[in-house]
């Protein structure tokens, strides 16, 4: 069956679009192609991630299931420890709850969204 659509962009609610675009731009090595107070975007020339300001934004509380998780990204990496170190240096944090053991690591981006670093061999 042929695809009905093609993903061209994924948009993320946040309080600081510029900061989040810079963070994910560095994590993915994608350039920031648009950066304003209300909206920012990164792209690899095929797909884009947009970051839009939402008034009074509050991040989901990981791992509480009573708060709606707006999304999470799984990012393939060759070395979990190295990728975690790099993401922490860019402003990510490590939540206490880690369900993945040695297969993946959950981090929180600078706005509090959870994302997972997954070994390339597991992706």
PDB file of N, CA and C in Angstrom:
ATOM      1  N   UNK A   1       0.831  -1.178   0.000  1.00  0.00           N
ATOM      2  CA  UNK A   1       0.000   0.000   0.000  1.00  0.00           C
ATOM      3  C   UNK A   1       0.882   1.250   0.000  1.00  0.00           C
ATOM      4  N   UNK A   2       0.574   2.172  -0.826  1.00  0.00           N
ATOM      5  CA  UNK A   2       1.331   3.417  -0.909  1.00  0.00           C
ATOM      6  C   UNK A   2       1.018   4.312   0.286  1.00  0.00           C
ATOM      7  N   UNK A   3       2.007   5.082   0.700  1.00  0.00           N
ATOM      8  CA  UNK A   3       1.799   6.014   1.808  1.00  0.00           C
ATOM      9  C   UNK A   3       0.791   7.082   1.419  1.00  0.00           C
ATOM     10  N   UNK A   4      -0.024   7.471   2.362  1.00  0.00           N
ATOM     11  CA  UNK A   4      -0.971   8.550   2.153  1.00  0.00           C
ATOM     12  C   UNK A   4      -0.289   9.899   2.263  1.00  0.00           C
ATOM     13  N   UNK A   5       0.741   9.952   3.094  1.00  0.00           N
ATOM     14  CA  UNK A   5       1.436  11.217   3.345  1.00  0.00           C
ATOM     15  C   UNK A   5       2.903  10.952   3.642  1.00  0.00           C
ATOM     16  N   UNK A   6       3.670  12.014   3.659  1.00  0.00           N
ATOM     17  CA  UNK A   6       5.096  11.943   3.975  1.00  0.00           C
ATOM     18  C   UNK A   6       5.362  12.932   5.109  1.00  0.00           C
ATOM     19  N   UNK A   7       6.034  12.487   6.146  1.00  0.00           N
ATOM     20  CA  UNK A   7       6.363  13.368   7.260  1.00  0.00           C
ATOM     21  C   UNK A   7       7.378  14.401   6.802  1.00  0.00           C
ATOM     22  N   UNK A   8       7.022  15.661   6.955  1.00  0.00           N
ATOM     23  CA  UNK A   8       7.952  16.728   6.600  1.00  0.00           C
ATOM     24  C   UNK A   8       8.365  17.548   7.803  1.00  0.00           C
ATOM     25  N   UNK A   9       7.537  17.523   8.879  1.00  0.00           N
ATOM     26  CA  UNK A   9       7.864  18.313  10.051  1.00  0.00           C
ATOM     27  C   UNK A   9       7.178  17.741  11.279  1.00  0.00           C
ATOM     28  N   UNK A  10       7.851  17.873  12.386  1.00  0.00           N
ATOM     29  CA  UNK A  10       7.335  17.505  13.691  1.00  0.00           C
ATOM     30  C   UNK A  10       7.423  18.762  14.540  1.00  0.00           C
ATOM     31  N   UNK A  11       6.346  19.169  15.208  1.00  0.00           N
ATOM     32  CA  UNK A  11       6.344  20.397  15.999  1.00  0.00           C
ATOM     33  C   UNK A  11       6.225  20.085  17.484  1.00  0.00           C
ATOM     34  N   UNK A  12       6.962  20.844  18.292  1.00  0.00           N
ATOM     35  CA  UNK A  12       7.044  20.629  19.725  1.00  0.00           C
ATOM     36  C   UNK A  12       6.621  21.902  20.453  1.00  0.00           C
ATOM     37  N   UNK A  13       5.710  21.770  21.402  1.00  0.00           N
ATOM     38  CA  UNK A  13       5.340  22.889  22.257  1.00  0.00           C
ATOM     39  C   UNK A  13       6.442  23.112  23.291  1.00  0.00           C
ATOM     40  N   UNK A  14       6.715  24.372  23.618  1.00  0.00           N
ATOM     41  CA  UNK A  14       7.758  24.679  24.593  1.00  0.00           C
ATOM     42  C   UNK A  14       7.619  26.120  25.065  1.00  0.00           C
ATOM     43  N   UNK A  15       8.481  26.510  26.007  1.00  0.00           N
ATOM     44  CA  UNK A  15       8.469  27.896  26.472  1.00  0.00           C
ATOM     45  C   UNK A  15       9.564  28.737  25.823  1.00  0.00           C
ATOM     46  N   UNK A  16      10.612  28.085  25.305  1.00  0.00           N
ATOM     47  CA  UNK A  16      11.744  28.812  24.726  1.00  0.00           C
ATOM     48  C   UNK A  16      12.174  28.155  23.410  1.00  0.00           C
ATOM     49  N   UNK A  17      11.512  28.495  22.307  1.00  0.00           N
ATOM     50  CA  UNK A  17      11.818  27.858  21.022  1.00  0.00           C
ATOM     51  C   UNK A  17      13.280  27.956  20.602  1.00  0.00           C
ATOM     52  N   UNK A  18      13.893  29.100  20.800  1.00  0.00           N
ATOM     53  CA  UNK A  18      15.303  29.257  20.394  1.00  0.00           C
ATOM     54  C   UNK A  18      16.207  28.284  21.139  1.00  0.00           C
ATOM     55  N   UNK A  19      16.010  28.185  22.444  1.00  0.00           N
ATOM     56  CA  UNK A  19      16.838  27.296  23.256  1.00  0.00           C
ATOM     57  C   UNK A  19      16.670  25.841  22.834  1.00  0.00           C
ATOM     58  N   UNK A  20      15.427  25.411  22.620  1.00  0.00           N
ATOM     59  CA  UNK A  20      15.182  24.017  22.275  1.00  0.00           C
ATOM     60  C   UNK A  20      15.683  23.697  20.869  1.00  0.00           C
ATOM     61  N   UNK A  21      15.544  24.625  19.932  1.00  0.00           N
ATOM     62  CA  UNK A  21      16.085  24.421  18.584  1.00  0.00           C
ATOM     63  C   UNK A  21      17.605  24.307  18.638  1.00  0.00           C
ATOM     64  N   UNK A  22      18.251  25.144  19.423  1.00  0.00           N
ATOM     65  CA  UNK A  22      19.710  25.070  19.550  1.00  0.00           C
ATOM     66  C   UNK A  22      20.125  23.740  20.164  1.00  0.00           C
ATOM     67  N   UNK A  23      19.410  23.286  21.183  1.00  0.00           N
ATOM     68  CA  UNK A  23      19.722  22.012  21.840  1.00  0.00           C
ATOM     69  C   UNK A  23      19.627  20.856  20.851  1.00  0.00           C
ATOM     70  N   UNK A  24      18.454  20.679  20.208  1.00  0.00           N
ATOM     71  CA  UNK A  24      18.280  19.556  19.284  1.00  0.00           C
ATOM     72  C   UNK A  24      19.123  19.723  18.017  1.00  0.00           C
ATOM     73  N   UNK A  25      19.363  20.956  17.608  1.00  0.00           N
ATOM     74  CA  UNK A  25      20.256  21.181  16.472  1.00  0.00           C
ATOM     75  C   UNK A  25      21.650  20.634  16.751  1.00  0.00           C
ATOM     76  N   UNK A  26      22.138  20.845  17.973  1.00  0.00           N
ATOM     77  CA  UNK A  26      23.460  20.322  18.322  1.00  0.00           C
ATOM     78  C   UNK A  26      23.434  18.808  18.522  1.00  0.00           C
ATOM     79  N   UNK A  27      22.384  18.289  19.160  1.00  0.00           N
ATOM     80  CA  UNK A  27      22.279  16.843  19.371  1.00  0.00           C
ATOM     81  C   UNK A  27      22.251  16.092  18.035  1.00  0.00           C
ATOM     82  N   UNK A  28      21.479  16.604  17.071  1.00  0.00           N
ATOM     83  CA  UNK A  28      21.313  15.919  15.786  1.00  0.00           C
ATOM     84  C   UNK A  28      22.281  16.407  14.706  1.00  0.00           C
ATOM     85  N   UNK A  29      23.041  17.465  15.009  1.00  0.00           N
ATOM     86  CA  UNK A  29      23.928  18.097  14.031  1.00  0.00           C
ATOM     87  C   UNK A  29      23.137  18.605  12.821  1.00  0.00           C
ATOM     88  N   UNK A  30      21.991  19.227  13.111  1.00  0.00           N
ATOM     89  CA  UNK A  30      21.146  19.865  12.101  1.00  0.00           C
ATOM     90  C   UNK A  30      21.235  21.367  12.308  1.00  0.00           C
ATOM     91  N   UNK A  31      21.257  22.154  11.267  1.00  0.00           N
ATOM     92  CA  UNK A  31      21.307  23.600  11.445  1.00  0.00           C
ATOM     93  C   UNK A  31      19.960  24.173  11.895  1.00  0.00           C
ATOM     94  N   UNK A  32      20.038  25.231  12.685  1.00  0.00           N
ATOM     95  CA  UNK A  32      18.846  26.002  13.022  1.00  0.00           C
ATOM     96  C   UNK A  32      18.556  26.866  11.798  1.00  0.00           C
ATOM     97  N   UNK A  33      17.412  26.652  11.170  1.00  0.00           N
ATOM     98  CA  UNK A  33      17.085  27.358   9.933  1.00  0.00           C
ATOM     99  C   UNK A  33      16.112  28.517  10.141  1.00  0.00           C
ATOM    100  N   UNK A  34      15.534  28.585  11.330  1.00  0.00           N
ATOM    101  CA  UNK A  34      14.632  29.692  11.664  1.00  0.00           C
ATOM    102  C   UNK A  34      14.675  29.850  13.169  1.00  0.00           C
ATOM    103  N   UNK A  35      14.795  31.081  13.655  1.00  0.00           N
ATOM    104  CA  UNK A  35      14.884  31.297  15.090  1.00  0.00           C
ATOM    105  C   UNK A  35      14.303  32.653  15.463  1.00  0.00           C
ATOM    106  N   UNK A  36      13.112  32.625  16.033  1.00  0.00           N
ATOM    107  CA  UNK A  36      12.457  33.816  16.547  1.00  0.00           C
ATOM    108  C   UNK A  36      11.958  33.508  17.951  1.00  0.00           C
ATOM    109  N   UNK A  37      11.495  34.527  18.630  1.00  0.00           N
ATOM    110  CA  UNK A  37      11.023  34.351  19.995  1.00  0.00           C
ATOM    111  C   UNK A  37       9.850  33.374  20.071  1.00  0.00           C
ATOM    112  N   UNK A  38       8.969  33.404  19.096  1.00  0.00           N
ATOM    113  CA  UNK A  38       7.765  32.576  19.124  1.00  0.00           C
ATOM    114  C   UNK A  38       7.913  31.217  18.437  1.00  0.00           C
ATOM    115  N   UNK A  39       8.916  31.082  17.554  1.00  0.00           N
ATOM    116  CA  UNK A  39       9.034  29.842  16.786  1.00  0.00           C
ATOM    117  C   UNK A  39      10.457  29.677  16.271  1.00  0.00           C
ATOM    118  N   UNK A  40      10.937  28.446  16.311  1.00  0.00           N
ATOM    119  CA  UNK A  40      12.258  28.125  15.757  1.00  0.00           C
ATOM    120  C   UNK A  40      12.170  26.772  15.067  1.00  0.00           C
ATOM    121  N   UNK A  41      13.140  26.484  14.184  1.00  0.00           N
ATOM    122  CA  UNK A  41      13.095  25.252  13.412  1.00  0.00           C
ATOM    123  C   UNK A  41      14.503  24.772  13.092  1.00  0.00           C
ATOM    124  N   UNK A  42      14.654  23.443  13.066  1.00  0.00           N
ATOM    125  CA  UNK A  42      15.879  22.811  12.581  1.00  0.00           C
ATOM    126  C   UNK A  42      15.481  21.852  11.466  1.00  0.00           C
ATOM    127  N   UNK A  43      16.435  21.530  10.565  1.00  0.00           N
ATOM    128  CA  UNK A  43      16.112  20.607   9.481  1.00  0.00           C
ATOM    129  C   UNK A  43      17.375  19.912   8.986  1.00  0.00           C
ATOM    130  N   UNK A  44      17.172  18.741   8.437  1.00  0.00           N
ATOM    131  CA  UNK A  44      18.268  18.036   7.752  1.00  0.00           C
ATOM    132  C   UNK A  44      18.051  18.076   6.246  1.00  0.00           C
ATOM    133  N   UNK A  45      17.233  18.993   5.765  1.00  0.00           N
ATOM    134  CA  UNK A  45      16.871  19.205   4.363  1.00  0.00           C
ATOM    135  C   UNK A  45      15.849  18.186   3.856  1.00  0.00           C
ATOM    136  N   UNK A  46      15.467  17.227   4.688  1.00  0.00           N
ATOM    137  CA  UNK A  46      14.421  16.277   4.335  1.00  0.00           C
ATOM    138  C   UNK A  46      13.242  16.409   5.287  1.00  0.00           C
ATOM    139  N   UNK A  47      13.551  16.447   6.562  1.00  0.00           N
ATOM    140  CA  UNK A  47      12.553  16.536   7.614  1.00  0.00           C
ATOM    141  C   UNK A  47      12.921  17.700   8.519  1.00  0.00           C
ATOM    142  N   UNK A  48      11.941  18.293   9.158  1.00  0.00           N
ATOM    143  CA  UNK A  48      12.198  19.414  10.057  1.00  0.00           C
ATOM    144  C   UNK A  48      11.527  19.169  11.403  1.00  0.00           C
ATOM    145  N   UNK A  49      12.089  19.793  12.421  1.00  0.00           N
ATOM    146  CA  UNK A  49      11.467  19.829  13.738  1.00  0.00           C
ATOM    147  C   UNK A  49      11.261  21.300  14.079  1.00  0.00           C
ATOM    148  N   UNK A  50      10.020  21.653  14.381  1.00  0.00           N
ATOM    149  CA  UNK A  50       9.694  23.017  14.761  1.00  0.00           C
ATOM    150  C   UNK A  50       9.418  23.100  16.250  1.00  0.00           C
ATOM    151  N   UNK A  51       9.688  24.259  16.834  1.00  0.00           N
ATOM    152  CA  UNK A  51       9.512  24.480  18.263  1.00  0.00           C
ATOM    153  C   UNK A  51       8.689  25.752  18.441  1.00  0.00           C
ATOM    154  N   UNK A  52       7.485  25.624  18.991  1.00  0.00           N
ATOM    155  CA  UNK A  52       6.591  26.762  19.123  1.00  0.00           C
ATOM    156  C   UNK A  52       6.321  27.138  20.570  1.00  0.00           C
ATOM    157  N   UNK A  53       6.387  28.433  20.841  1.00  0.00           N
ATOM    158  CA  UNK A  53       6.133  28.934  22.199  1.00  0.00           C
ATOM    159  C   UNK A  53       4.659  28.754  22.554  1.00  0.00           C
ATOM    160  N   UNK A  54       4.427  28.224  23.754  1.00  0.00           N
ATOM    161  CA  UNK A  54       3.093  28.070  24.306  1.00  0.00           C
ATOM    162  C   UNK A  54       3.073  28.829  25.627  1.00  0.00           C
ATOM    163  N   UNK A  55       2.163  29.794  25.780  1.00  0.00           N
ATOM    164  CA  UNK A  55       2.093  30.539  27.036  1.00  0.00           C
ATOM    165  C   UNK A  55       1.871  29.599  28.227  1.00  0.00           C
ATOM    166  N   UNK A  56       2.564  29.850  29.304  1.00  0.00           N
ATOM    167  CA  UNK A  56       2.435  29.066  30.537  1.00  0.00           C
ATOM    168  C   UNK A  56       2.727  27.575  30.334  1.00  0.00           C
ATOM    169  N   UNK A  57       3.631  27.270  29.408  1.00  0.00           N
ATOM    170  CA  UNK A  57       4.007  25.879  29.142  1.00  0.00           C
ATOM    171  C   UNK A  57       4.512  25.208  30.415  1.00  0.00           C
ATOM    172  N   UNK A  58       4.068  23.981  30.644  1.00  0.00           N
ATOM    173  CA  UNK A  58       4.558  23.163  31.749  1.00  0.00           C
ATOM    174  C   UNK A  58       4.951  21.808  31.170  1.00  0.00           C
ATOM    175  N   UNK A  59       6.176  21.349  31.452  1.00  0.00           N
ATOM    176  CA  UNK A  59       6.608  20.063  30.897  1.00  0.00           C
ATOM    177  C   UNK A  59       5.884  18.891  31.551  1.00  0.00           C
ATOM    178  N   UNK A  60       5.829  17.760  30.860  1.00  0.00           N
ATOM    179  CA  UNK A  60       5.255  16.566  31.477  1.00  0.00           C
ATOM    180  C   UNK A  60       6.147  16.128  32.629  1.00  0.00           C
ATOM    181  N   UNK A  61       5.565  15.485  33.617  1.00  0.00           N
ATOM    182  CA  UNK A  61       6.335  14.993  34.759  1.00  0.00           C
ATOM    183  C   UNK A  61       6.692  13.533  34.519  1.00  0.00           C
ATOM    184  N   UNK A  62       7.902  13.288  34.099  1.00  0.00           N
ATOM    185  CA  UNK A  62       8.364  11.920  33.833  1.00  0.00           C
ATOM    186  C   UNK A  62       8.711  11.261  35.142  1.00  0.00           C
ATOM    187  N   UNK A  63       8.263  10.068  35.434  1.00  0.00           N
ATOM    188  CA  UNK A  63       7.460   9.141  34.631  1.00  0.00           C
ATOM    189  C   UNK A  63       5.985   9.117  35.016  1.00  0.00           C
ATOM    190  N   UNK A  64       5.500  10.157  35.687  1.00  0.00           N
ATOM    191  CA  UNK A  64       4.099  10.166  36.118  1.00  0.00           C
ATOM    192  C   UNK A  64       3.165   9.929  34.933  1.00  0.00           C
ATOM    193  N   UNK A  65       2.257   8.985  35.096  1.00  0.00           N
ATOM    194  CA  UNK A  65       1.308   8.715  34.012  1.00  0.00           C
ATOM    195  C   UNK A  65       0.045   9.552  34.139  1.00  0.00           C
ATOM    196  N   UNK A  66      -0.019  10.420  35.156  1.00  0.00           N
ATOM    197  CA  UNK A  66      -1.175  11.301  35.287  1.00  0.00           C
ATOM    198  C   UNK A  66      -1.010  12.571  34.462  1.00  0.00           C
ATOM    199  N   UNK A  67       0.218  12.869  34.063  1.00  0.00           N
ATOM    200  CA  UNK A  67       0.478  14.015  33.190  1.00  0.00           C
ATOM    201  C   UNK A  67       0.585  13.517  31.757  1.00  0.00           C
ATOM    202  N   UNK A  68       0.009  14.249  30.833  1.00  0.00           N
ATOM    203  CA  UNK A  68       0.073  13.851  29.427  1.00  0.00           C
ATOM    204  C   UNK A  68       1.492  14.049  28.905  1.00  0.00           C
ATOM    205  N   UNK A  69       2.053  12.998  28.348  1.00  0.00           N
ATOM    206  CA  UNK A  69       3.356  13.107  27.680  1.00  0.00           C
ATOM    207  C   UNK A  69       3.058  13.546  26.260  1.00  0.00           C
ATOM    208  N   UNK A  70       3.622  14.653  25.841  1.00  0.00           N
ATOM    209  CA  UNK A  70       3.291  15.215  24.546  1.00  0.00           C
ATOM    210  C   UNK A  70       3.971  14.486  23.385  1.00  0.00           C
ATOM    211  N   UNK A  71       5.093  13.892  23.630  1.00  0.00           N
ATOM    212  CA  UNK A  71       5.836  13.123  22.632  1.00  0.00           C
ATOM    213  C   UNK A  71       7.088  12.605  23.309  1.00  0.00           C
ATOM    214  N   UNK A  72       7.787  11.701  22.657  1.00  0.00           N
ATOM    215  CA  UNK A  72       9.183  11.488  22.993  1.00  0.00           C
ATOM    216  C   UNK A  72       9.886  11.004  21.745  1.00  0.00           C
ATOM    217  N   UNK A  73      11.119  11.423  21.607  1.00  0.00           N
ATOM    218  CA  UNK A  73      11.940  11.035  20.472  1.00  0.00           C
ATOM    219  C   UNK A  73      12.863   9.897  20.868  1.00  0.00           C
ATOM    220  N   UNK A  74      13.042   8.935  19.986  1.00  0.00           N
ATOM    221  CA  UNK A  74      14.064   7.909  20.134  1.00  0.00           C
ATOM    222  C   UNK A  74      15.176   8.261  19.167  1.00  0.00           C
ATOM    223  N   UNK A  75      16.375   8.446  19.684  1.00  0.00           N
ATOM    224  CA  UNK A  75      17.526   8.836  18.874  1.00  0.00           C
ATOM    225  C   UNK A  75      18.547   7.706  18.893  1.00  0.00           C
ATOM    226  N   UNK A  76      18.917   7.218  17.719  1.00  0.00           N
ATOM    227  CA  UNK A  76      19.881   6.128  17.613  1.00  0.00           C
ATOM    228  C   UNK A  76      21.294   6.650  17.834  1.00  0.00           C
ATOM    229  N   UNK A  77      22.062   5.945  18.681  1.00  0.00           N
ATOM    230  CA  UNK A  77      23.446   6.319  18.983  1.00  0.00           C
ATOM    231  C   UNK A  77      24.314   5.065  18.996  1.00  0.00           C
ATOM    232  N   UNK A  78      25.602   5.244  18.726  1.00  0.00           N
ATOM    233  CA  UNK A  78      26.532   4.115  18.753  1.00  0.00           C
ATOM    234  C   UNK A  78      27.038   3.809  20.155  1.00  0.00           C
ATOM    235  N   UNK A  79      27.113   4.830  21.016  1.00  0.00           N
ATOM    236  CA  UNK A  79      27.660   4.674  22.364  1.00  0.00           C
ATOM    237  C   UNK A  79      26.773   5.448  23.341  1.00  0.00           C
ATOM    238  N   UNK A  80      26.051   4.724  24.205  1.00  0.00           N
ATOM    239  CA  UNK A  80      25.115   5.371  25.125  1.00  0.00           C
ATOM    240  C   UNK A  80      25.802   6.361  26.059  1.00  0.00           C
ATOM    241  N   UNK A  81      26.908   5.960  26.648  1.00  0.00           N
ATOM    242  CA  UNK A  81      27.590   6.828  27.616  1.00  0.00           C
ATOM    243  C   UNK A  81      28.106   8.102  26.964  1.00  0.00           C
ATOM    244  N   UNK A  82      28.711   7.965  25.796  1.00  0.00           N
ATOM    245  CA  UNK A  82      29.231   9.134  25.088  1.00  0.00           C
ATOM    246  C   UNK A  82      28.094  10.077  24.684  1.00  0.00           C
ATOM    247  N   UNK A  83      27.007   9.520  24.152  1.00  0.00           N
ATOM    248  CA  UNK A  83      25.873  10.346  23.738  1.00  0.00           C
ATOM    249  C   UNK A  83      25.241  11.027  24.948  1.00  0.00           C
ATOM    250  N   UNK A  84      25.117  10.316  26.054  1.00  0.00           N
ATOM    251  CA  UNK A  84      24.553  10.913  27.266  1.00  0.00           C
ATOM    252  C   UNK A  84      25.428  12.069  27.742  1.00  0.00           C
ATOM    253  N   UNK A  85      26.730  11.865  27.781  1.00  0.00           N
ATOM    254  CA  UNK A  85      27.663  12.922  28.192  1.00  0.00           C
ATOM    255  C   UNK A  85      27.513  14.147  27.303  1.00  0.00           C
ATOM    256  N   UNK A  86      27.435  13.937  25.994  1.00  0.00           N
ATOM    257  CA  UNK A  86      27.281  15.052  25.056  1.00  0.00           C
ATOM    258  C   UNK A  86      25.967  15.794  25.284  1.00  0.00           C
ATOM    259  N   UNK A  87      24.874  15.049  25.477  1.00  0.00           N
ATOM    260  CA  UNK A  87      23.566  15.681  25.686  1.00  0.00           C
ATOM    261  C   UNK A  87      23.528  16.439  27.009  1.00  0.00           C
ATOM    262  N   UNK A  88      24.145  15.891  28.048  1.00  0.00           N
ATOM    263  CA  UNK A  88      24.197  16.588  29.335  1.00  0.00           C
ATOM    264  C   UNK A  88      24.964  17.890  29.214  1.00  0.00           C
ATOM    265  N   UNK A  89      26.052  17.878  28.457  1.00  0.00           N
ATOM    266  CA  UNK A  89      26.832  19.105  28.249  1.00  0.00           C
ATOM    267  C   UNK A  89      26.023  20.168  27.505  1.00  0.00           C
ATOM    268  N   UNK A  90      25.026  19.734  26.725  1.00  0.00           N
ATOM    269  CA  UNK A  90      24.184  20.664  25.963  1.00  0.00           C
ATOM    270  C   UNK A  90      22.976  21.147  26.763  1.00  0.00           C
ATOM    271  N   UNK A  91      22.770  20.597  27.952  1.00  0.00           N
ATOM    272  CA  UNK A  91      21.671  21.066  28.790  1.00  0.00           C
ATOM    273  C   UNK A  91      20.632  20.030  29.154  1.00  0.00           C
ATOM    274  N   UNK A  92      20.789  18.791  28.710  1.00  0.00           N
ATOM    275  CA  UNK A  92      19.854  17.735  29.090  1.00  0.00           C
ATOM    276  C   UNK A  92      20.085  17.359  30.561  1.00  0.00           C
ATOM    277  N   UNK A  93      19.097  16.696  31.151  1.00  0.00           N
ATOM    278  CA  UNK A  93      19.229  16.173  32.506  1.00  0.00           C
ATOM    279  C   UNK A  93      18.799  14.714  32.507  1.00  0.00           C
ATOM    280  N   UNK A  94      19.170  13.998  33.563  1.00  0.00           N
ATOM    281  CA  UNK A  94      18.841  12.581  33.690  1.00  0.00           C
ATOM    282  C   UNK A  94      17.776  12.414  34.771  1.00  0.00           C
ATOM    283  N   UNK A  95      16.592  11.903  34.407  1.00  0.00           N
ATOM    284  CA  UNK A  95      15.589  11.649  35.436  1.00  0.00           C
ATOM    285  C   UNK A  95      15.970  10.402  36.240  1.00  0.00           C
ATOM    286  N   UNK A  96      15.423  10.278  37.440  1.00  0.00           N
ATOM    287  CA  UNK A  96      15.720   9.119  38.278  1.00  0.00           C
ATOM    288  C   UNK A  96      15.207   7.817  37.663  1.00  0.00           C
ATOM    289  N   UNK A  97      14.015   7.849  37.074  1.00  0.00           N
ATOM    290  CA  UNK A  97      13.412   6.628  36.540  1.00  0.00           C
ATOM    291  C   UNK A  97      14.043   6.277  35.202  1.00  0.00           C
ATOM    292  N   UNK A  98      14.654   5.099  35.121  1.00  0.00           N
ATOM    293  CA  UNK A  98      15.334   4.625  33.911  1.00  0.00           C
ATOM    294  C   UNK A  98      14.872   3.201  33.595  1.00  0.00           C
ATOM    295  N   UNK A  99      13.851   3.039  32.753  1.00  0.00           N
ATOM    296  CA  UNK A  99      13.314   1.711  32.491  1.00  0.00           C
ATOM    297  C   UNK A  99      14.113   0.877  31.495  1.00  0.00           C
ATOM    298  N   UNK A 100      15.080   1.447  30.810  1.00  0.00           N
ATOM    299  CA  UNK A 100      15.722   0.742  29.708  1.00  0.00           C
ATOM    300  C   UNK A 100      16.924  -0.105  30.051  1.00  0.00           C
ATOM    301  N   UNK A 101      17.407  -0.031  31.280  1.00  0.00           N
ATOM    302  CA  UNK A 101      18.600  -0.793  31.625  1.00  0.00           C
ATOM    303  C   UNK A 101      19.767  -0.377  30.757  1.00  0.00           C
ATOM    304  N   UNK A 102      20.415  -1.327  30.145  1.00  0.00           N
ATOM    305  CA  UNK A 102      21.576  -1.065  29.287  1.00  0.00           C
ATOM    306  C   UNK A 102      21.200  -0.854  27.825  1.00  0.00           C
ATOM    307  N   UNK A 103      19.916  -0.995  27.482  1.00  0.00           N
ATOM    308  CA  UNK A 103      19.495  -0.896  26.088  1.00  0.00           C
ATOM    309  C   UNK A 103      19.232   0.527  25.639  1.00  0.00           C
ATOM    310  N   UNK A 104      18.751   1.386  26.541  1.00  0.00           N
ATOM    311  CA  UNK A 104      18.518   2.783  26.201  1.00  0.00           C
ATOM    312  C   UNK A 104      18.552   3.609  27.478  1.00  0.00           C
ATOM    313  N   UNK A 105      18.655   4.920  27.296  1.00  0.00           N
ATOM    314  CA  UNK A 105      18.648   5.855  28.422  1.00  0.00           C
ATOM    315  C   UNK A 105      17.629   6.945  28.157  1.00  0.00           C
ATOM    316  N   UNK A 106      16.873   7.273  29.178  1.00  0.00           N
ATOM    317  CA  UNK A 106      15.922   8.375  29.100  1.00  0.00           C
ATOM    318  C   UNK A 106      16.616   9.632  29.618  1.00  0.00           C
ATOM    319  N   UNK A 107      16.532  10.699  28.851  1.00  0.00           N
ATOM    320  CA  UNK A 107      17.015  12.011  29.273  1.00  0.00           C
ATOM    321  C   UNK A 107      15.867  12.992  29.141  1.00  0.00           C
ATOM    322  N   UNK A 108      16.022  14.154  29.754  1.00  0.00           N
ATOM    323  CA  UNK A 108      15.049  15.230  29.607  1.00  0.00           C
ATOM    324  C   UNK A 108      15.743  16.383  28.911  1.00  0.00           C
ATOM    325  N   UNK A 109      15.110  16.938  27.872  1.00  0.00           N
ATOM    326  CA  UNK A 109      15.704  18.079  27.181  1.00  0.00           C
ATOM    327  C   UNK A 109      15.596  19.319  28.068  1.00  0.00           C
ATOM    328  N   UNK A 110      16.156  20.452  27.667  1.00  0.00           N
ATOM    329  CA  UNK A 110      16.119  21.636  28.518  1.00  0.00           C
ATOM    330  C   UNK A 110      14.720  22.135  28.891  1.00  0.00           C
ATOM    331  N   UNK A 111      13.689  21.699  28.159  1.00  0.00           N
ATOM    332  CA  UNK A 111      12.308  22.083  28.475  1.00  0.00           C
ATOM    333  C   UNK A 111      11.577  21.006  29.278  1.00  0.00           C
ATOM    334  N   UNK A 112      12.250  19.882  29.564  1.00  0.00           N
ATOM    335  CA  UNK A 112      11.643  18.817  30.351  1.00  0.00           C
ATOM    336  C   UNK A 112      10.982  17.706  29.570  1.00  0.00           C
ATOM    337  N   UNK A 113      11.062  17.731  28.222  1.00  0.00           N
ATOM    338  CA  UNK A 113      10.506  16.642  27.414  1.00  0.00           C
ATOM    339  C   UNK A 113      11.430  15.425  27.527  1.00  0.00           C
ATOM    340  N   UNK A 114      10.871  14.248  27.783  1.00  0.00           N
ATOM    341  CA  UNK A 114      11.716  13.055  27.772  1.00  0.00           C
ATOM    342  C   UNK A 114      12.101  12.669  26.344  1.00  0.00           C
ATOM    343  N   UNK A 115      13.324  12.175  26.185  1.00  0.00           N
ATOM    344  CA  UNK A 115      13.750  11.571  24.926  1.00  0.00           C
ATOM    345  C   UNK A 115      14.678  10.419  25.258  1.00  0.00           C
ATOM    346  N   UNK A 116      14.773   9.460  24.347  1.00  0.00           N
ATOM    347  CA  UNK A 116      15.567   8.264  24.597  1.00  0.00           C
ATOM    348  C   UNK A 116      16.760   8.186  23.667  1.00  0.00           C
ATOM    349  N   UNK A 117      17.891   7.816  24.243  1.00  0.00           N
ATOM    350  CA  UNK A 117      19.074   7.472  23.455  1.00  0.00           C
ATOM    351  C   UNK A 117      19.064   5.952  23.357  1.00  0.00           C
ATOM    352  N   UNK A 118      19.009   5.438  22.138  1.00  0.00           N
ATOM    353  CA  UNK A 118      18.907   3.998  21.889  1.00  0.00           C
ATOM    354  C   UNK A 118      20.134   3.540  21.120  1.00  0.00           C
ATOM    355  N   UNK A 119      20.678   2.406  21.532  1.00  0.00           N
ATOM    356  CA  UNK A 119      21.831   1.882  20.795  1.00  0.00           C
ATOM    357  C   UNK A 119      21.429   1.603  19.356  1.00  0.00           C
ATOM    358  N   UNK A 120      22.286   1.998  18.425  1.00  0.00           N
ATOM    359  CA  UNK A 120      22.018   1.792  17.002  1.00  0.00           C
ATOM    360  C   UNK A 120      21.693   0.325  16.730  1.00  0.00           C
ATOM    361  N   UNK A 121      22.361  -0.587  17.418  1.00  0.00           N
ATOM    362  CA  UNK A 121      22.123  -2.011  17.208  1.00  0.00           C
ATOM    363  C   UNK A 121      20.730  -2.433  17.682  1.00  0.00           C
ATOM    364  N   UNK A 122      20.069  -1.615  18.492  1.00  0.00           N
ATOM    365  CA  UNK A 122      18.728  -1.901  18.975  1.00  0.00           C
ATOM    366  C   UNK A 122      17.659  -1.194  18.150  1.00  0.00           C
ATOM    367  N   UNK A 123      18.068  -0.192  17.356  1.00  0.00           N
ATOM    368  CA  UNK A 123      17.097   0.637  16.622  1.00  0.00           C
ATOM    369  C   UNK A 123      16.474  -0.104  15.475  1.00  0.00           C
TER     370      UNK A 123
END
